[in-house]
Structures are given as structure tokens and as C-alpha cells.
């Protein structure tokens, strides 16, 4: 049985992205530029609980120097 809702998952993912980005000392803008997006794109993930595609997850994981599994907390 799944206990976590979609909203909880997206919020947790956004927090994970923000935490790792800060650990690496990079700004939202730097992270966004590294994957060919704008700052608002990253802000939506970190703060609004946007739901990234598999391709974006792969890109974010590479830049954040963690696996997709770690990013998704699998």
C-alpha cells in the first residue's frame, strides 16, 4: 500500500534538489543553466512541487552528482 501522496513526493523531491544544490554551493540559476533551462524552472521544482520528466531527473542527478535513485529517495 502506498502511503505517500503525489504532492508529498513532489515536495520531498523539491527539498532534495534544493538541499543537494546548496551542498554543492550552486545557485538555482547555475543549476538551471547547466541543464539548458531558466531559474524559474528550478524554482518551480524546489518550491511549487513540479513533476519533472525522466529526462530532467537524469540531467538534475548528473549535475547534482547523485544517482536518480538517490534523488528519488528509492
N, C-alpha and C. Protein backbone atom coordinates (compact mmCIF):
# COMPACT_ATOMS: atom_id res chain seq x y z
N UNK A 1 0.83 -1.19 0.00
CA UNK A 1 0.00 0.00 0.00
C UNK A 1 0.87 1.25 0.00
N UNK A 2 0.56 2.19 -0.87
CA UNK A 2 1.31 3.43 -1.00
C UNK A 2 0.80 4.43 0.04
N UNK A 3 1.72 4.91 0.87
CA UNK A 3 1.35 5.85 1.92
C UNK A 3 1.62 7.29 1.52
N UNK A 4 2.56 7.50 0.61
CA UNK A 4 2.96 8.84 0.22
C UNK A 4 2.08 9.33 -0.93
N UNK A 5 1.56 10.54 -0.81
CA UNK A 5 0.76 11.11 -1.89
C UNK A 5 1.67 11.73 -2.94
N UNK A 6 1.10 12.01 -4.08
CA UNK A 6 1.85 12.67 -5.16
C UNK A 6 2.41 14.01 -4.71
N UNK A 7 1.61 14.76 -4.01
CA UNK A 7 2.06 16.08 -3.53
C UNK A 7 3.20 15.94 -2.53
N UNK A 8 3.12 14.97 -1.65
CA UNK A 8 4.19 14.75 -0.68
C UNK A 8 5.49 14.35 -1.40
N UNK A 9 5.35 13.51 -2.40
CA UNK A 9 6.51 13.07 -3.16
C UNK A 9 7.18 14.25 -3.87
N UNK A 10 6.37 15.07 -4.54
CA UNK A 10 6.93 16.22 -5.27
C UNK A 10 7.59 17.21 -4.32
N UNK A 11 7.00 17.42 -3.16
CA UNK A 11 7.58 18.34 -2.17
C UNK A 11 8.91 17.78 -1.67
N UNK A 12 8.95 16.48 -1.38
CA UNK A 12 10.18 15.84 -0.91
C UNK A 12 11.27 15.92 -1.99
N UNK A 13 10.88 15.70 -3.24
CA UNK A 13 11.84 15.79 -4.34
C UNK A 13 12.39 17.21 -4.45
N UNK A 14 11.52 18.19 -4.36
CA UNK A 14 11.96 19.59 -4.43
C UNK A 14 12.93 19.93 -3.31
N UNK A 15 12.64 19.43 -2.12
CA UNK A 15 13.53 19.66 -0.98
C UNK A 15 14.88 18.99 -1.20
N UNK A 16 14.87 17.79 -1.78
CA UNK A 16 16.11 17.06 -2.05
C UNK A 16 16.97 17.81 -3.08
N UNK A 17 16.32 18.33 -4.13
CA UNK A 17 17.04 19.10 -5.15
C UNK A 17 17.67 20.33 -4.51
N UNK A 18 16.89 21.07 -3.73
CA UNK A 18 17.40 22.29 -3.09
C UNK A 18 18.54 21.98 -2.14
N UNK A 19 18.37 20.96 -1.32
CA UNK A 19 19.40 20.61 -0.34
C UNK A 19 20.71 20.25 -1.03
N UNK A 20 20.63 19.40 -2.05
CA UNK A 20 21.85 18.98 -2.74
C UNK A 20 22.50 20.14 -3.48
N UNK A 21 21.68 20.99 -4.09
CA UNK A 21 22.20 22.17 -4.81
C UNK A 21 22.97 23.06 -3.85
N UNK A 22 22.40 23.29 -2.67
CA UNK A 22 23.05 24.13 -1.67
C UNK A 22 24.33 23.48 -1.16
N UNK A 23 24.30 22.17 -0.95
CA UNK A 23 25.51 21.44 -0.52
C UNK A 23 26.64 21.64 -1.52
N UNK A 24 26.30 21.69 -2.80
CA UNK A 24 27.33 21.86 -3.84
C UNK A 24 27.70 23.33 -4.05
N UNK A 25 26.96 24.22 -3.40
CA UNK A 25 27.28 25.65 -3.49
C UNK A 25 26.91 26.27 -4.83
N UNK A 26 25.86 25.78 -5.45
CA UNK A 26 25.44 26.36 -6.72
C UNK A 26 24.05 27.00 -6.59
N UNK A 27 23.83 28.02 -7.37
CA UNK A 27 22.56 28.74 -7.33
C UNK A 27 21.52 28.04 -8.21
N UNK A 28 20.27 28.43 -8.03
CA UNK A 28 19.22 27.92 -8.90
C UNK A 28 19.54 28.25 -10.35
N UNK A 29 20.04 29.45 -10.58
CA UNK A 29 20.36 29.87 -11.94
C UNK A 29 21.48 29.01 -12.54
N UNK A 30 22.50 28.72 -11.76
CA UNK A 30 23.60 27.89 -12.25
C UNK A 30 23.11 26.48 -12.57
N UNK A 31 22.28 25.92 -11.70
CA UNK A 31 21.73 24.59 -11.94
C UNK A 31 20.88 24.60 -13.20
N UNK A 32 20.03 25.60 -13.31
CA UNK A 32 19.16 25.71 -14.48
C UNK A 32 19.97 25.83 -15.77
N UNK A 33 20.96 26.69 -15.76
CA UNK A 33 21.80 26.88 -16.96
C UNK A 33 22.52 25.60 -17.35
N UNK A 34 22.91 24.80 -16.38
CA UNK A 34 23.65 23.58 -16.68
C UNK A 34 22.78 22.54 -17.39
N UNK A 35 21.46 22.67 -17.29
CA UNK A 35 20.58 21.75 -18.00
C UNK A 35 19.78 22.46 -19.09
N UNK A 36 20.18 23.68 -19.42
CA UNK A 36 19.56 24.40 -20.52
C UNK A 36 18.18 24.97 -20.21
N UNK A 37 17.95 25.29 -18.94
CA UNK A 37 16.66 25.85 -18.52
C UNK A 37 16.89 27.20 -17.85
N UNK A 38 15.80 27.85 -17.41
CA UNK A 38 15.95 29.11 -16.69
C UNK A 38 15.71 28.91 -15.20
N UNK A 39 16.05 29.94 -14.42
CA UNK A 39 15.97 29.86 -12.96
C UNK A 39 14.56 29.50 -12.49
N UNK A 40 13.55 30.04 -13.14
CA UNK A 40 12.17 29.77 -12.74
C UNK A 40 11.83 28.28 -12.85
N UNK A 41 12.46 27.61 -13.80
CA UNK A 41 12.26 26.17 -13.99
C UNK A 41 12.65 25.42 -12.72
N UNK A 42 13.84 25.73 -12.19
CA UNK A 42 14.33 25.08 -10.97
C UNK A 42 13.49 25.52 -9.77
N UNK A 43 13.15 26.78 -9.73
CA UNK A 43 12.33 27.30 -8.63
C UNK A 43 11.01 26.56 -8.54
N UNK A 44 10.40 26.25 -9.67
CA UNK A 44 9.14 25.50 -9.66
C UNK A 44 9.31 24.12 -9.04
N UNK A 45 10.41 23.45 -9.34
CA UNK A 45 10.66 22.13 -8.75
C UNK A 45 10.91 22.23 -7.25
N UNK A 46 11.72 23.19 -6.86
CA UNK A 46 12.09 23.30 -5.46
C UNK A 46 10.95 23.82 -4.58
N UNK A 47 10.14 24.71 -5.10
CA UNK A 47 9.15 25.37 -4.26
C UNK A 47 7.69 25.05 -4.57
N UNK A 48 7.39 24.73 -5.79
CA UNK A 48 5.99 24.52 -6.18
C UNK A 48 5.64 23.05 -6.35
N UNK A 49 6.61 22.18 -6.20
CA UNK A 49 6.34 20.76 -6.32
C UNK A 49 6.02 20.33 -7.74
N UNK A 50 6.72 20.91 -8.72
CA UNK A 50 6.52 20.48 -10.11
C UNK A 50 6.99 19.04 -10.27
N UNK A 51 6.50 18.38 -11.28
CA UNK A 51 6.78 16.96 -11.50
C UNK A 51 7.70 16.83 -12.73
N UNK A 52 9.00 16.61 -12.53
CA UNK A 52 9.94 16.55 -13.65
C UNK A 52 9.79 15.29 -14.48
N UNK A 53 10.17 15.39 -15.73
CA UNK A 53 10.20 14.23 -16.61
C UNK A 53 11.41 13.36 -16.25
N UNK A 54 11.43 12.16 -16.74
CA UNK A 54 12.55 11.26 -16.51
C UNK A 54 13.85 11.86 -17.05
N UNK A 55 13.77 12.52 -18.20
CA UNK A 55 14.96 13.13 -18.79
C UNK A 55 15.50 14.24 -17.90
N UNK A 56 14.61 15.08 -17.37
CA UNK A 56 15.05 16.16 -16.48
C UNK A 56 15.63 15.57 -15.20
N UNK A 57 15.03 14.52 -14.66
CA UNK A 57 15.57 13.87 -13.48
C UNK A 57 17.00 13.38 -13.73
N UNK A 58 17.21 12.79 -14.89
CA UNK A 58 18.55 12.30 -15.23
C UNK A 58 19.54 13.47 -15.30
N UNK A 59 19.13 14.56 -15.94
CA UNK A 59 20.01 15.73 -16.04
C UNK A 59 20.32 16.30 -14.66
N UNK A 60 19.29 16.46 -13.83
CA UNK A 60 19.49 17.01 -12.49
C UNK A 60 20.42 16.12 -11.68
N UNK A 61 20.21 14.83 -11.73
CA UNK A 61 21.06 13.90 -10.98
C UNK A 61 22.51 14.02 -11.40
N UNK A 62 22.75 14.14 -12.70
CA UNK A 62 24.13 14.27 -13.18
C UNK A 62 24.78 15.53 -12.64
N UNK A 63 24.09 16.65 -12.74
CA UNK A 63 24.65 17.92 -12.28
C UNK A 63 24.80 17.93 -10.76
N UNK A 64 23.86 17.33 -10.06
CA UNK A 64 23.90 17.30 -8.60
C UNK A 64 24.81 16.20 -8.06
N UNK A 65 25.40 15.45 -8.99
CA UNK A 65 26.39 14.42 -8.65
C UNK A 65 25.83 13.35 -7.71
N UNK A 66 24.59 12.93 -8.01
CA UNK A 66 23.97 11.82 -7.28
C UNK A 66 23.23 10.96 -8.30
N UNK A 67 22.85 9.79 -7.90
CA UNK A 67 22.10 8.92 -8.81
C UNK A 67 20.63 9.34 -8.82
N UNK A 68 19.93 8.92 -9.85
CA UNK A 68 18.49 9.19 -9.92
C UNK A 68 17.80 8.51 -8.74
N UNK A 69 18.26 7.31 -8.37
CA UNK A 69 17.70 6.62 -7.22
C UNK A 69 17.84 7.46 -5.94
N UNK A 70 19.01 8.05 -5.75
CA UNK A 70 19.21 8.91 -4.57
C UNK A 70 18.31 10.13 -4.64
N UNK A 71 18.21 10.71 -5.82
CA UNK A 71 17.37 11.89 -6.00
C UNK A 71 15.91 11.57 -5.68
N UNK A 72 15.47 10.39 -6.10
CA UNK A 72 14.10 9.98 -5.87
C UNK A 72 13.90 9.33 -4.50
N UNK A 73 15.01 9.14 -3.78
CA UNK A 73 14.98 8.51 -2.46
C UNK A 73 14.39 7.11 -2.54
N UNK A 74 14.85 6.36 -3.55
CA UNK A 74 14.37 4.99 -3.75
C UNK A 74 15.21 4.03 -2.95
